Amino acid sequence: MASPPGAGAVPDWSRLALVRIDDRLLHGQVVLNWARALRPSRIAVADDALAGDDLGRAAVLAAAPADTEVWIGSVAEAARALRDGTMGAGGTMVLVRDPEAARRLFDAGVHYHRLNVGAVGASPGRVRVGPQVSLGRDEWEALRYLEQAGVDVTLQALPSDRAVTLARARRPRAWGRPKG
């Protein structure tokens, strides 16, 4: 019996429309700017907390563009669906809440080539490293890990903004010398 097309094949991760870190996940800035610019066939929201929150899921679905399929699940579920082809990589925009989730997605076998860090708000323990991006030391190290794994990590809130590479972002002096 023949295998279905793509069975056992390694997905072409370059076909992902975008992998983006945004602590607000799917909201106006993503819908009006990124979705309009990229025209993804699907938006996958990979977030462990949202996956089990019926009210939060309803809010995300209400914010989504009418002509775009939306998938919501945990980071592990998203990785499994992307790896096994249940959710095709082609044209998919993947949204995660924070750098640790982006790293877990990557470590689970979704070896995306580019990562957009869009909006990570200020909170205790975070320091501003770029426009609309504040990170804690562990979050910074998660992004550095991805960069060292070959992922092109850029900070960019809107498609019309200039992308800033992680290497050019402001690493806080208070953290001392980089690890490794």
Protein backbone atom coordinates (compact mmCIF):
# COMPACT_ATOMS: atom_id res chain seq x y z
CA MET A 1 0.00 0.00 0.00
CA ALA A 2 1.45 3.37 -0.99
CA SER A 3 2.07 6.06 1.61
CA PRO A 4 0.08 9.26 1.33
CA PRO A 5 1.93 12.15 -0.33
CA GLY A 6 4.39 13.72 2.10
CA ALA A 7 4.20 10.85 4.60
CA GLY A 8 7.55 10.49 6.30
CA ALA A 9 8.92 13.46 4.38
CA VAL A 10 10.60 16.29 6.22
CA PRO A 11 8.40 19.39 5.94
CA ASP A 12 9.82 22.35 4.05
CA TRP A 13 10.00 24.81 6.93
CA SER A 14 10.94 27.65 4.57
CA ARG A 15 7.32 27.55 3.35
CA LEU A 16 6.04 28.86 6.69
CA ALA A 17 4.65 32.35 6.11
CA LEU A 18 5.97 33.61 9.46
CA VAL A 19 6.86 32.44 12.96
CA ARG A 20 6.22 35.36 15.31
CA ILE A 21 6.56 36.01 19.02
CA ASP A 22 3.85 38.34 20.22
CA ASP A 23 2.68 38.29 23.82
CA ARG A 24 -0.81 39.36 22.68
CA LEU A 25 -0.87 36.55 20.09
CA LEU A 26 -3.57 37.41 17.52
CA HIS A 27 -4.72 41.03 17.67
CA GLY A 28 -5.27 44.06 15.46
CA GLN A 29 -1.60 44.70 14.64
CA VAL A 30 -1.15 41.12 13.45
CA VAL A 31 -4.45 41.00 11.55
CA LEU A 32 -4.29 44.45 9.94
CA ASN A 33 -0.59 44.46 9.11
CA TRP A 34 1.06 41.03 9.06
CA ALA A 35 -1.90 38.99 7.80
CA ARG A 36 -2.70 41.62 5.18
CA ALA A 37 0.95 41.75 4.00
CA LEU A 38 1.61 38.00 4.01
CA ARG A 39 -1.84 36.60 3.15
CA PRO A 40 -1.31 33.38 5.13
CA SER A 41 -3.52 30.41 4.33
CA ARG A 42 -3.69 29.64 8.05
CA ILE A 43 -2.83 31.21 11.38
CA ALA A 44 -1.69 28.74 14.02
CA VAL A 45 -1.76 30.06 17.57
CA ALA A 46 0.52 27.81 19.63
CA ASP A 47 -0.01 28.63 23.29
CA ASP A 48 -0.37 26.23 26.20
CA ALA A 49 -2.59 28.51 28.30
CA LEU A 50 -4.89 29.52 25.44
CA ALA A 51 -5.31 25.91 24.32
CA GLY A 52 -7.34 25.19 27.45
CA ASP A 53 -9.16 28.52 27.74
CA ASP A 54 -12.52 28.45 25.95
CA LEU A 55 -13.21 32.17 26.45
CA GLY A 56 -9.71 33.13 25.28
CA ARG A 57 -10.05 30.87 22.23
CA ALA A 58 -13.36 32.54 21.35
CA ALA A 59 -11.73 35.98 21.59
CA VAL A 60 -8.88 34.95 19.30
CA LEU A 61 -11.26 33.43 16.78
CA ALA A 62 -13.33 36.64 16.81
CA ALA A 63 -10.21 38.71 16.05
CA ALA A 64 -9.13 36.54 13.12
CA PRO A 65 -9.53 37.58 9.49
CA ALA A 66 -12.74 36.08 8.08
CA ASP A 67 -10.98 34.51 5.10
CA THR A 68 -8.19 32.80 7.07
CA GLU A 69 -8.30 29.43 8.81
CA VAL A 70 -7.28 29.62 12.48
CA TRP A 71 -5.86 26.73 14.45
CA ILE A 72 -5.36 26.95 18.24
CA GLY A 73 -3.49 24.45 20.37
CA SER A 74 -0.56 23.94 22.70
CA VAL A 75 3.03 24.32 21.52
CA ALA A 76 3.46 20.52 21.58
CA GLU A 77 0.24 20.03 19.58
CA ALA A 78 1.33 22.61 17.02
CA ALA A 79 4.73 20.95 16.61
CA ARG A 80 3.11 17.54 16.15
CA ALA A 81 0.55 18.86 13.62
CA LEU A 82 3.23 20.70 11.61
CA ARG A 83 5.68 17.79 11.68
CA ASP A 84 3.21 15.08 10.68
CA GLY A 85 1.52 17.18 8.00
CA THR A 86 -1.87 17.40 9.74
CA MET A 87 -1.38 21.15 9.49
CA GLY A 88 0.65 21.96 6.40
CA ALA A 89 3.59 24.33 6.79
CA GLY A 90 2.94 26.04 3.44
CA GLY A 91 1.52 29.49 4.02
CA THR A 92 1.06 29.04 7.77
CA MET A 93 1.71 31.93 10.14
CA VAL A 94 2.64 30.58 13.59
CA LEU A 95 2.15 32.78 16.65
CA VAL A 96 3.71 32.03 20.04
CA ARG A 97 3.61 34.14 23.20
CA ASP A 98 7.28 34.22 24.25
CA PRO A 99 10.85 33.18 23.37
CA GLU A 100 10.66 30.02 25.48
CA ALA A 101 7.65 28.83 23.45
CA ALA A 102 9.54 29.59 20.23
CA ARG A 103 12.46 27.51 21.49
CA ARG A 104 10.18 24.61 22.54
CA LEU A 105 8.56 24.65 19.08
CA PHE A 106 12.00 24.50 17.46
CA ASP A 107 13.27 21.80 19.83
CA ALA A 108 10.15 19.75 19.06
CA GLY A 109 11.27 19.50 15.45
CA VAL A 110 9.76 22.57 13.76
CA HIS A 111 13.06 23.88 12.41
CA TYR A 112 11.89 27.19 11.05
CA HIS A 113 14.45 29.43 9.36
CA ARG A 114 13.24 32.85 10.51
CA LEU A 115 11.74 34.17 13.73
CA ASN A 116 10.04 37.54 14.05
CA VAL A 117 10.04 39.00 17.55
CA GLY A 118 7.16 41.44 17.33
CA ALA A 119 5.89 42.53 20.70
CA VAL A 120 6.95 41.43 24.15
CA GLY A 121 5.74 43.88 26.77
CA ALA A 122 7.55 45.24 29.78
CA SER A 123 7.11 43.43 33.07
CA PRO A 124 9.18 42.84 36.22
CA GLY A 125 12.48 41.19 35.32
CA ARG A 126 12.40 42.37 31.70
CA VAL A 127 14.59 45.03 30.12
CA ARG A 128 13.87 46.86 26.88
CA VAL A 129 16.09 45.54 24.08
CA GLY A 130 14.34 47.06 21.07
CA PRO A 131 11.17 48.73 19.84
CA GLN A 132 8.18 47.07 21.56
CA VAL A 133 10.42 44.29 22.88
CA SER A 134 11.40 43.78 26.51
CA LEU A 135 13.06 40.55 27.57
CA GLY A 136 14.28 38.78 30.66
CA ARG A 137 17.69 37.17 30.64
CA ASP A 138 16.27 33.64 30.07
CA GLU A 139 14.18 34.93 27.16
CA TRP A 140 17.26 36.57 25.64
CA GLU A 141 19.18 33.31 26.03
CA ALA A 142 16.35 31.38 24.34
CA LEU A 143 16.63 33.72 21.33
CA ARG A 144 20.42 33.40 21.31
CA TYR A 145 20.03 29.60 21.34
CA LEU A 146 17.80 29.83 18.26
CA GLU A 147 20.19 32.22 16.56
CA GLN A 148 23.10 29.83 17.22
CA ALA A 149 20.97 27.00 15.77
CA GLY A 150 20.82 28.97 12.51
CA VAL A 151 17.51 30.78 12.90
CA ASP A 152 17.44 34.35 11.56
CA VAL A 153 16.03 36.16 14.63
CA THR A 154 14.79 39.71 14.02
CA LEU A 155 12.88 42.29 16.02
CA GLN A 156 10.16 43.93 13.92
CA ALA A 157 6.76 45.11 15.10
CA LEU A 158 5.24 45.84 11.68
CA PRO A 159 6.08 44.71 8.14
CA SER A 160 6.80 48.36 7.28
CA ASP A 161 9.36 48.69 10.13
CA ARG A 162 13.04 48.02 9.64
CA ALA A 163 13.97 44.59 10.96
CA VAL A 164 16.70 44.62 13.63
CA THR A 165 18.77 41.47 13.99
CA LEU A 166 19.21 40.03 17.46
CA ALA A 167 22.94 40.70 17.14
CA ARG A 168 22.18 44.43 16.76
CA ALA A 169 19.58 44.55 19.55
CA ARG A 170 20.53 46.17 22.84
CA ARG A 171 21.79 43.45 25.17
CA PRO A 172 21.51 44.93 28.68
CA ARG A 173 24.88 45.58 30.30
CA ALA A 174 23.43 44.64 33.67
CA TRP A 175 23.38 41.01 32.53
CA GLY A 176 27.16 40.90 32.25
CA ARG A 177 29.00 38.90 29.63
CA PRO A 178 27.02 36.55 27.36
CA LYS A 179 26.91 32.85 28.20
CA GLY A 180 28.87 30.50 25.94
